[in-house]
Amino acid sequence: VLISLYVDDKKKLPENEQYVSETTGKKIKTIGNKWSDFQM
């Protein structure tokens, strides 16, 4: 099963799904931010 996660996807996350990264301390606002943070 292929799961392709796009780390540069600029679509905004819903407000209730945005968070501050434990890894970088940055605000995770987009889908791409989420998967990039997930990878790190």
All heavy atoms as atom14 arrays in JSON, in Angstrom:
{
  "sequence": "VLISLYVDDKKKLPENEQYVSETTGKKIKTIGNKWSDFQM",
  "atom14_mask": [
    [1, 1, 1, 1, 1, 1, 1, 0, 0, 0, 0, 0, 0, 0],
    [1, 1, 1, 1, 1, 1, 1, 1, 0, 0, 0, 0, 0, 0],
    [1, 1, 1, 1, 1, 1, 1, 1, 0, 0, 0, 0, 0, 0],
    [1, 1, 1, 1, 1, 1, 0, 0, 0, 0, 0, 0, 0, 0],
    [1, 1, 1, 1, 1, 1, 1, 1, 0, 0, 0, 0, 0, 0],
    [1, 1, 1, 1, 1, 1, 1, 1, 1, 1, 1, 1, 0, 0],
    [1, 1, 1, 1, 1, 1, 1, 0, 0, 0, 0, 0, 0, 0],
    [1, 1, 1, 1, 1, 1, 1, 1, 0, 0, 0, 0, 0, 0],
    [1, 1, 1, 1, 1, 1, 1, 1, 0, 0, 0, 0, 0, 0],
    [1, 1, 1, 1, 1, 1, 1, 1, 1, 0, 0, 0, 0, 0],
    [1, 1, 1, 1, 1, 1, 1, 1, 1, 0, 0, 0, 0, 0],
    [1, 1, 1, 1, 1, 1, 1, 1, 1, 0, 0, 0, 0, 0],
    [1, 1, 1, 1, 1, 1, 1, 1, 0, 0, 0, 0, 0, 0],
    [1, 1, 1, 1, 1, 1, 1, 0, 0, 0, 0, 0, 0, 0],
    [1, 1, 1, 1, 1, 1, 1, 1, 1, 0, 0, 0, 0, 0],
    [1, 1, 1, 1, 1, 1, 1, 1, 0, 0, 0, 0, 0, 0],
    [1, 1, 1, 1, 1, 1, 1, 1, 1, 0, 0, 0, 0, 0],
    [1, 1, 1, 1, 1, 1, 1, 1, 1, 0, 0, 0, 0, 0],
    [1, 1, 1, 1, 1, 1, 1, 1, 1, 1, 1, 1, 0, 0],
    [1, 1, 1, 1, 1, 1, 1, 0, 0, 0, 0, 0, 0, 0],
    [1, 1, 1, 1, 1, 1, 0, 0, 0, 0, 0, 0, 0, 0],
    [1, 1, 1, 1, 1, 1, 1, 1, 1, 0, 0, 0, 0, 0],
    [1, 1, 1, 1, 1, 1, 1, 0, 0, 0, 0, 0, 0, 0],
    [1, 1, 1, 1, 1, 1, 1, 0, 0, 0, 0, 0, 0, 0],
    [1, 1, 1, 1, 0, 0, 0, 0, 0, 0, 0, 0, 0, 0],
    [1, 1, 1, 1, 1, 1, 1, 1, 1, 0, 0, 0, 0, 0],
    [1, 1, 1, 1, 1, 1, 1, 1, 1, 0, 0, 0, 0, 0],
    [1, 1, 1, 1, 1, 1, 1, 1, 0, 0, 0, 0, 0, 0],
    [1, 1, 1, 1, 1, 1, 1, 1, 1, 0, 0, 0, 0, 0],
    [1, 1, 1, 1, 1, 1, 1, 0, 0, 0, 0, 0, 0, 0],
    [1, 1, 1, 1, 1, 1, 1, 1, 0, 0, 0, 0, 0, 0],
    [1, 1, 1, 1, 0, 0, 0, 0, 0, 0, 0, 0, 0, 0],
    [1, 1, 1, 1, 1, 1, 1, 1, 0, 0, 0, 0, 0, 0],
    [1, 1, 1, 1, 1, 1, 1, 1, 1, 0, 0, 0, 0, 0],
    [1, 1, 1, 1, 1, 1, 1, 1, 1, 1, 1, 1, 1, 1],
    [1, 1, 1, 1, 1, 1, 0, 0, 0, 0, 0, 0, 0, 0],
    [1, 1, 1, 1, 1, 1, 1, 1, 0, 0, 0, 0, 0, 0],
    [1, 1, 1, 1, 1, 1, 1, 1, 1, 1, 1, 0, 0, 0],
    [1, 1, 1, 1, 1, 1, 1, 1, 1, 0, 0, 0, 0, 0],
    [1, 1, 1, 1, 1, 1, 1, 1, 0, 0, 0, 0, 0, 0]
  ],
  "atom14_positions": [
    [[0.88, -1.17, 0.0], [0.0, 0.0, 0.0], [0.91, 1.22, 0.0], [1.75, 1.38, 0.89], [-0.92, 0.02, 1.24], [-1.71, 1.32, 1.3], [-1.87, -1.18, 1.21], [0.0, 0.0, 0.0], [0.0, 0.0, 0.0], [0.0, 0.0, 0.0], [0.0, 0.0, 0.0], [0.0, 0.0, 0.0], [0.0, 0.0, 0.0], [0.0, 0.0, 0.0]],
    [[0.78, 2.06, -1.02], [1.65, 3.23, -1.15], [1.03, 4.42, -0.41], [-0.12, 4.77, -0.64], [1.83, 3.58, -2.63], [2.61, 4.86, -2.94], [4.05, 4.76, -2.45], [2.59, 5.16, -4.44], [0.0, 0.0, 0.0], [0.0, 0.0, 0.0], [0.0, 0.0, 0.0], [0.0, 0.0, 0.0], [0.0, 0.0, 0.0], [0.0, 0.0, 0.0]],
    [[1.83, 5.01, 0.48], [1.42, 6.25, 1.16], [2.43, 7.33, 0.78], [3.6, 7.26, 1.17], [1.38, 6.07, 2.69], [0.42, 4.95, 3.09], [0.97, 7.38, 3.37], [0.37, 4.68, 4.59], [0.0, 0.0, 0.0], [0.0, 0.0, 0.0], [0.0, 0.0, 0.0], [0.0, 0.0, 0.0], [0.0, 0.0, 0.0], [0.0, 0.0, 0.0]],
    [[2.0, 8.29, -0.01], [2.86, 9.39, -0.45], [2.51, 10.65, 0.32], [1.4, 11.18, 0.19], [2.69, 9.62, -1.96], [3.15, 8.51, -2.7], [0.0, 0.0, 0.0], [0.0, 0.0, 0.0], [0.0, 0.0, 0.0], [0.0, 0.0, 0.0], [0.0, 0.0, 0.0], [0.0, 0.0, 0.0], [0.0, 0.0, 0.0], [0.0, 0.0, 0.0]],
    [[3.44, 11.13, 1.12], [3.22, 12.31, 1.95], [4.0, 13.48, 1.37], [5.24, 13.44, 1.29], [3.65, 12.02, 3.39], [2.99, 10.8, 4.05], [3.51, 10.61, 5.47], [1.48, 10.92, 4.06], [0.0, 0.0, 0.0], [0.0, 0.0, 0.0], [0.0, 0.0, 0.0], [0.0, 0.0, 0.0], [0.0, 0.0, 0.0], [0.0, 0.0, 0.0]],
    [[3.28, 14.52, 0.95], [3.88, 15.68, 0.29], [4.28, 16.73, 1.32], [3.43, 17.36, 1.94], [2.92, 16.26, -0.74], [2.73, 15.37, -1.95], [1.84, 14.31, -1.92], [3.47, 15.59, -3.11], [1.69, 13.47, -3.03], [3.31, 14.77, -4.22], [2.43, 13.72, -4.17], [2.28, 12.89, -5.25], [0.0, 0.0, 0.0], [0.0, 0.0, 0.0]],
    [[5.6, 16.93, 1.45], [6.09, 17.83, 2.5], [6.02, 19.3, 2.1], [6.31, 20.18, 2.92], [7.54, 17.47, 2.9], [7.63, 16.04, 3.38], [8.5, 17.7, 1.73], [0.0, 0.0, 0.0], [0.0, 0.0, 0.0], [0.0, 0.0, 0.0], [0.0, 0.0, 0.0], [0.0, 0.0, 0.0], [0.0, 0.0, 0.0], [0.0, 0.0, 0.0]],
    [[5.64, 19.58, 0.84], [5.53, 20.99, 0.41], [4.08, 21.36, 0.07], [3.85, 22.37, -0.6], [6.45, 21.28, -0.77], [6.23, 20.34, -1.95], [5.33, 19.48, -1.87], [6.95, 20.46, -2.96], [0.0, 0.0, 0.0], [0.0, 0.0, 0.0], [0.0, 0.0, 0.0], [0.0, 0.0, 0.0], [0.0, 0.0, 0.0], [0.0, 0.0, 0.0]],
    [[3.12, 20.57, 0.54], [1.71, 20.87, 0.31], [1.32, 22.11, 1.12], [1.45, 22.13, 2.35], [0.85, 19.67, 0.74], [-0.59, 19.77, 0.27], [-1.1, 20.91, 0.14], [-1.23, 18.73, 0.06], [0.0, 0.0, 0.0], [0.0, 0.0, 0.0], [0.0, 0.0, 0.0], [0.0, 0.0, 0.0], [0.0, 0.0, 0.0], [0.0, 0.0, 0.0]],
    [[0.86, 23.15, 0.43], [0.58, 24.43, 1.08], [-0.86, 24.58, 1.59], [-1.23, 25.64, 2.08], [0.87, 25.59, 0.11], [2.33, 25.69, -0.31], [3.25, 25.93, 0.87], [4.7, 26.1, 0.43], [5.61, 26.25, 1.58], [0.0, 0.0, 0.0], [0.0, 0.0, 0.0], [0.0, 0.0, 0.0], [0.0, 0.0, 0.0], [0.0, 0.0, 0.0]],
    [[-1.65, 23.52, 1.5], [-3.02, 23.6, 2.01], [-3.0, 23.77, 3.52], [-2.28, 23.08, 4.23], [-3.81, 22.35, 1.64], [-4.1, 22.22, 0.15], [-4.82, 20.93, -0.15], [-4.97, 20.73, -1.65], [-5.49, 19.38, -1.98], [0.0, 0.0, 0.0], [0.0, 0.0, 0.0], [0.0, 0.0, 0.0], [0.0, 0.0, 0.0], [0.0, 0.0, 0.0]],
    [[-3.83, 24.7, 4.0], [-3.87, 25.0, 5.43], [-4.55, 23.88, 6.2], [-5.55, 23.31, 5.76], [-4.63, 26.31, 5.67], [-3.9, 27.56, 5.22], [-2.85, 27.96, 6.24], [-2.23, 29.32, 5.87], [-1.18, 29.7, 6.82], [0.0, 0.0, 0.0], [0.0, 0.0, 0.0], [0.0, 0.0, 0.0], [0.0, 0.0, 0.0], [0.0, 0.0, 0.0]],
    [[-4.0, 23.57, 7.35], [-4.66, 22.66, 8.27], [-5.8, 23.39, 8.97], [-5.71, 24.6, 9.2], [-3.66, 22.15, 9.32], [-2.59, 21.15, 8.87], [-1.53, 21.03, 9.96], [-3.22, 19.79, 8.59], [0.0, 0.0, 0.0], [0.0, 0.0, 0.0], [0.0, 0.0, 0.0], [0.0, 0.0, 0.0], [0.0, 0.0, 0.0], [0.0, 0.0, 0.0]],
    [[-6.87, 22.68, 9.32], [-7.91, 23.32, 10.15], [-7.29, 23.85, 11.43], [-6.29, 23.31, 11.93], [-8.88, 22.17, 10.44], [-8.65, 21.17, 9.34], [-7.2, 21.28, 8.99], [0.0, 0.0, 0.0], [0.0, 0.0, 0.0], [0.0, 0.0, 0.0], [0.0, 0.0, 0.0], [0.0, 0.0, 0.0], [0.0, 0.0, 0.0], [0.0, 0.0, 0.0]],
    [[-7.86, 24.92, 11.96], [-7.31, 25.56, 13.15], [-7.09, 24.57, 14.3], [-6.1, 24.62, 15.01], [-8.24, 26.69, 13.62], [-8.18, 27.94, 12.75], [-6.89, 28.72, 12.92], [-6.21, 28.54, 13.96], [-6.55, 29.51, 12.01], [0.0, 0.0, 0.0], [0.0, 0.0, 0.0], [0.0, 0.0, 0.0], [0.0, 0.0, 0.0], [0.0, 0.0, 0.0]],
    [[-8.06, 23.65, 14.48], [-7.96, 22.72, 15.61], [-6.9, 21.64, 15.39], [-6.59, 20.87, 16.31], [-9.32, 22.05, 15.87], [-9.82, 21.25, 14.69], [-9.46, 21.52, 13.56], [-10.65, 20.27, 14.96], [0.0, 0.0, 0.0], [0.0, 0.0, 0.0], [0.0, 0.0, 0.0], [0.0, 0.0, 0.0], [0.0, 0.0, 0.0], [0.0, 0.0, 0.0]],
    [[-6.31, 21.55, 14.17], [-5.26, 20.56, 13.9], [-3.88, 21.21, 13.85], [-2.88, 20.5, 13.73], [-5.54, 19.83, 12.58], [-6.79, 18.96, 12.63], [-7.01, 18.2, 11.33], [-6.04, 18.05, 10.55], [-8.16, 17.77, 11.08], [0.0, 0.0, 0.0], [0.0, 0.0, 0.0], [0.0, 0.0, 0.0], [0.0, 0.0, 0.0], [0.0, 0.0, 0.0]],
    [[-3.81, 22.53, 13.93], [-2.52, 23.2, 13.96], [-1.89, 23.05, 15.34], [-2.59, 23.01, 16.35], [-2.69, 24.67, 13.59], [-3.17, 24.87, 12.16], [-3.3, 26.34, 11.78], [-2.76, 27.22, 12.45], [-4.01, 26.62, 10.68], [0.0, 0.0, 0.0], [0.0, 0.0, 0.0], [0.0, 0.0, 0.0], [0.0, 0.0, 0.0], [0.0, 0.0, 0.0]],
    [[-0.55, 22.98, 15.35], [0.15, 22.75, 16.62], [1.58, 23.27, 16.52], [2.03, 23.67, 15.44], [0.15, 21.27, 16.98], [0.91, 20.4, 16.0], [2.24, 20.03, 16.25], [0.31, 19.94, 14.83], [2.94, 19.24, 15.36], [1.02, 19.15, 13.92], [2.33, 18.8, 14.19], [3.02, 18.02, 13.3], [0.0, 0.0, 0.0], [0.0, 0.0, 0.0]],
    [[2.27, 23.27, 17.64], [3.68, 23.67, 17.68], [4.53, 22.41, 17.69], [4.33, 21.51, 18.52], [3.99, 24.55, 18.9], [5.48, 24.87, 18.97], [3.19, 25.84, 18.85], [0.0, 0.0, 0.0], [0.0, 0.0, 0.0], [0.0, 0.0, 0.0], [0.0, 0.0, 0.0], [0.0, 0.0, 0.0], [0.0, 0.0, 0.0], [0.0, 0.0, 0.0]],
    [[5.49, 22.32, 16.79], [6.32, 21.13, 16.66], [7.22, 20.92, 17.87], [7.88, 21.86, 18.33], [7.19, 21.23, 15.4], [8.19, 20.23, 15.37], [0.0, 0.0, 0.0], [0.0, 0.0, 0.0], [0.0, 0.0, 0.0], [0.0, 0.0, 0.0], [0.0, 0.0, 0.0], [0.0, 0.0, 0.0], [0.0, 0.0, 0.0], [0.0, 0.0, 0.0]],
    [[7.26, 19.69, 18.38], [8.17, 19.35, 19.47], [9.62, 19.3, 18.96], [10.56, 19.47, 19.74], [7.8, 18.0, 20.06], [6.44, 17.95, 20.72], [6.08, 16.55, 21.21], [6.95, 15.65, 21.06], [4.98, 16.35, 21.73], [0.0, 0.0, 0.0], [0.0, 0.0, 0.0], [0.0, 0.0, 0.0], [0.0, 0.0, 0.0], [0.0, 0.0, 0.0]],
    [[9.78, 19.06, 17.66], [11.12, 18.9, 17.08], [11.77, 20.23, 16.77], [12.94, 20.47, 17.1], [11.04, 18.07, 15.79], [10.32, 16.87, 16.05], [12.43, 17.74, 15.27], [0.0, 0.0, 0.0], [0.0, 0.0, 0.0], [0.0, 0.0, 0.0], [0.0, 0.0, 0.0], [0.0, 0.0, 0.0], [0.0, 0.0, 0.0], [0.0, 0.0, 0.0]],
    [[11.01, 21.13, 16.14], [11.58, 22.41, 15.7], [11.1, 23.61, 16.5], [11.7, 24.68, 16.43], [11.26, 22.65, 14.21], [9.82, 22.78, 14.07], [11.74, 21.49, 13.35], [0.0, 0.0, 0.0], [0.0, 0.0, 0.0], [0.0, 0.0, 0.0], [0.0, 0.0, 0.0], [0.0, 0.0, 0.0], [0.0, 0.0, 0.0], [0.0, 0.0, 0.0]],
    [[10.0, 23.47, 17.22], [9.42, 24.58, 17.95], [8.63, 25.54, 17.08], [8.18, 26.59, 17.55], [0.0, 0.0, 0.0], [0.0, 0.0, 0.0], [0.0, 0.0, 0.0], [0.0, 0.0, 0.0], [0.0, 0.0, 0.0], [0.0, 0.0, 0.0], [0.0, 0.0, 0.0], [0.0, 0.0, 0.0], [0.0, 0.0, 0.0], [0.0, 0.0, 0.0]],
    [[8.43, 25.18, 15.8], [7.71, 26.05, 14.88], [6.23, 25.68, 14.83], [5.85, 24.54, 15.09], [8.31, 25.96, 13.48], [9.74, 26.49, 13.39], [10.27, 26.36, 11.97], [11.7, 26.89, 11.86], [12.23, 26.75, 10.49], [0.0, 0.0, 0.0], [0.0, 0.0, 0.0], [0.0, 0.0, 0.0], [0.0, 0.0, 0.0], [0.0, 0.0, 0.0]],
    [[5.41, 26.65, 14.44], [3.98, 26.42, 14.29], [3.74, 25.6, 13.02], [4.2, 25.96, 11.94], [3.24, 27.76, 14.23], [1.72, 27.65, 14.15], [1.13, 27.24, 15.48], [-0.4, 27.18, 15.44], [-1.03, 28.52, 15.39], [0.0, 0.0, 0.0], [0.0, 0.0, 0.0], [0.0, 0.0, 0.0], [0.0, 0.0, 0.0], [0.0, 0.0, 0.0]],
    [[3.01, 24.52, 13.15], [2.66, 23.65, 12.02], [1.3, 24.1, 11.51], [0.27, 23.86, 12.16], [2.66, 22.17, 12.44], [4.01, 21.78, 13.04], [2.3, 21.29, 11.25], [5.2, 22.0, 12.12], [0.0, 0.0, 0.0], [0.0, 0.0, 0.0], [0.0, 0.0, 0.0], [0.0, 0.0, 0.0], [0.0, 0.0, 0.0], [0.0, 0.0, 0.0]],
    [[1.3, 24.76, 10.34], [0.08, 25.36, 9.82], [-0.47, 24.68, 8.57], [-1.64, 24.8, 8.26], [0.32, 26.84, 9.49], [0.68, 27.7, 10.7], [0.9, 29.14, 10.26], [1.23, 30.03, 11.45], [1.46, 31.44, 11.02], [0.0, 0.0, 0.0], [0.0, 0.0, 0.0], [0.0, 0.0, 0.0], [0.0, 0.0, 0.0], [0.0, 0.0, 0.0]],
    [[0.39, 24.0, 7.81], [-0.04, 23.42, 6.54], [0.12, 21.9, 6.55], [0.81, 21.33, 7.41], [0.77, 23.98, 5.36], [2.14, 23.54, 5.49], [0.74, 25.5, 5.35], [0.0, 0.0, 0.0], [0.0, 0.0, 0.0], [0.0, 0.0, 0.0], [0.0, 0.0, 0.0], [0.0, 0.0, 0.0], [0.0, 0.0, 0.0], [0.0, 0.0, 0.0]],
    [[-0.5, 21.25, 5.56], [-0.37, 19.79, 5.44], [1.1, 19.42, 5.21], [1.6, 18.45, 5.78], [-1.26, 19.28, 4.29], [-2.73, 19.45, 4.66], [-0.95, 17.83, 3.95], [-3.7, 19.12, 3.54], [0.0, 0.0, 0.0], [0.0, 0.0, 0.0], [0.0, 0.0, 0.0], [0.0, 0.0, 0.0], [0.0, 0.0, 0.0], [0.0, 0.0, 0.0]],
    [[1.79, 20.21, 4.36], [3.2, 19.95, 4.12], [4.03, 20.06, 5.39], [4.92, 19.24, 5.64], [0.0, 0.0, 0.0], [0.0, 0.0, 0.0], [0.0, 0.0, 0.0], [0.0, 0.0, 0.0], [0.0, 0.0, 0.0], [0.0, 0.0, 0.0], [0.0, 0.0, 0.0], [0.0, 0.0, 0.0], [0.0, 0.0, 0.0], [0.0, 0.0, 0.0]],
    [[3.76, 21.1, 6.2], [4.45, 21.24, 7.5], [4.25, 20.0, 8.35], [5.18, 19.51, 8.99], [3.91, 22.44, 8.27], [4.23, 23.78, 7.64], [3.56, 24.78, 7.9], [5.26, 23.82, 6.81], [0.0, 0.0, 0.0], [0.0, 0.0, 0.0], [0.0, 0.0, 0.0], [0.0, 0.0, 0.0], [0.0, 0.0, 0.0], [0.0, 0.0, 0.0]],
    [[3.02, 19.49, 8.35], [2.67, 18.32, 9.18], [3.49, 17.1, 8.79], [4.07, 16.42, 9.64], [1.18, 18.04, 9.04], [0.7, 16.79, 9.78], [-0.77, 16.55, 9.51], [-1.26, 15.25, 10.16], [-2.71, 15.0, 9.9], [0.0, 0.0, 0.0], [0.0, 0.0, 0.0], [0.0, 0.0, 0.0], [0.0, 0.0, 0.0], [0.0, 0.0, 0.0]],
    [[3.57, 16.82, 7.47], [4.29, 15.62, 7.05], [5.8, 15.8, 7.15], [6.52, 14.83, 7.42], [3.88, 15.23, 5.63], [2.42, 14.91, 5.5], [1.55, 15.35, 4.54], [1.63, 14.08, 6.37], [0.29, 14.86, 4.75], [0.3, 14.07, 5.87], [1.9, 13.35, 7.53], [-0.73, 13.37, 6.48], [0.87, 12.64, 8.14], [-0.42, 12.65, 7.62]],
    [[6.29, 17.02, 6.96], [7.72, 17.27, 7.14], [8.09, 17.07, 8.61], [9.12, 16.44, 8.93], [8.05, 18.69, 6.7], [9.43, 18.96, 6.89], [0.0, 0.0, 0.0], [0.0, 0.0, 0.0], [0.0, 0.0, 0.0], [0.0, 0.0, 0.0], [0.0, 0.0, 0.0], [0.0, 0.0, 0.0], [0.0, 0.0, 0.0], [0.0, 0.0, 0.0]],
    [[7.26, 17.58, 9.5], [7.5, 17.4, 10.94], [7.39, 15.93, 11.32], [8.16, 15.43, 12.14], [6.48, 18.24, 11.73], [6.74, 18.2, 13.22], [7.86, 18.55, 13.65], [5.82, 17.8, 13.97], [0.0, 0.0, 0.0], [0.0, 0.0, 0.0], [0.0, 0.0, 0.0], [0.0, 0.0, 0.0], [0.0, 0.0, 0.0], [0.0, 0.0, 0.0]],
    [[6.43, 15.22, 10.72], [6.25, 13.79, 10.96], [7.52, 13.02, 10.57], [7.98, 12.13, 11.29], [5.05, 13.3, 10.17], [4.71, 11.84, 10.35], [3.9, 11.43, 11.4], [5.2, 10.88, 9.47], [3.59, 10.08, 11.56], [4.9, 9.54, 9.62], [4.09, 9.14, 10.67], [0.0, 0.0, 0.0], [0.0, 0.0, 0.0], [0.0, 0.0, 0.0]],
    [[8.09, 13.37, 9.42], [9.3, 12.71, 8.96], [10.47, 12.97, 9.9], [11.23, 12.05, 10.25], [9.65, 13.18, 7.55], [10.88, 12.49, 6.95], [11.27, 13.04, 5.6], [10.71, 14.03, 5.12], [12.24, 12.41, 4.95], [0.0, 0.0, 0.0], [0.0, 0.0, 0.0], [0.0, 0.0, 0.0], [0.0, 0.0, 0.0], [0.0, 0.0, 0.0]],
    [[10.63, 14.22, 10.34], [11.74, 14.56, 11.23], [11.57, 13.9, 12.6], [12.53, 13.39, 13.19], [11.85, 16.07, 11.38], [12.42, 16.76, 10.16], [12.77, 18.52, 10.44], [11.11, 19.2, 10.42], [0.0, 0.0, 0.0], [0.0, 0.0, 0.0], [0.0, 0.0, 0.0], [0.0, 0.0, 0.0], [0.0, 0.0, 0.0], [0.0, 0.0, 0.0]]
  ]
}
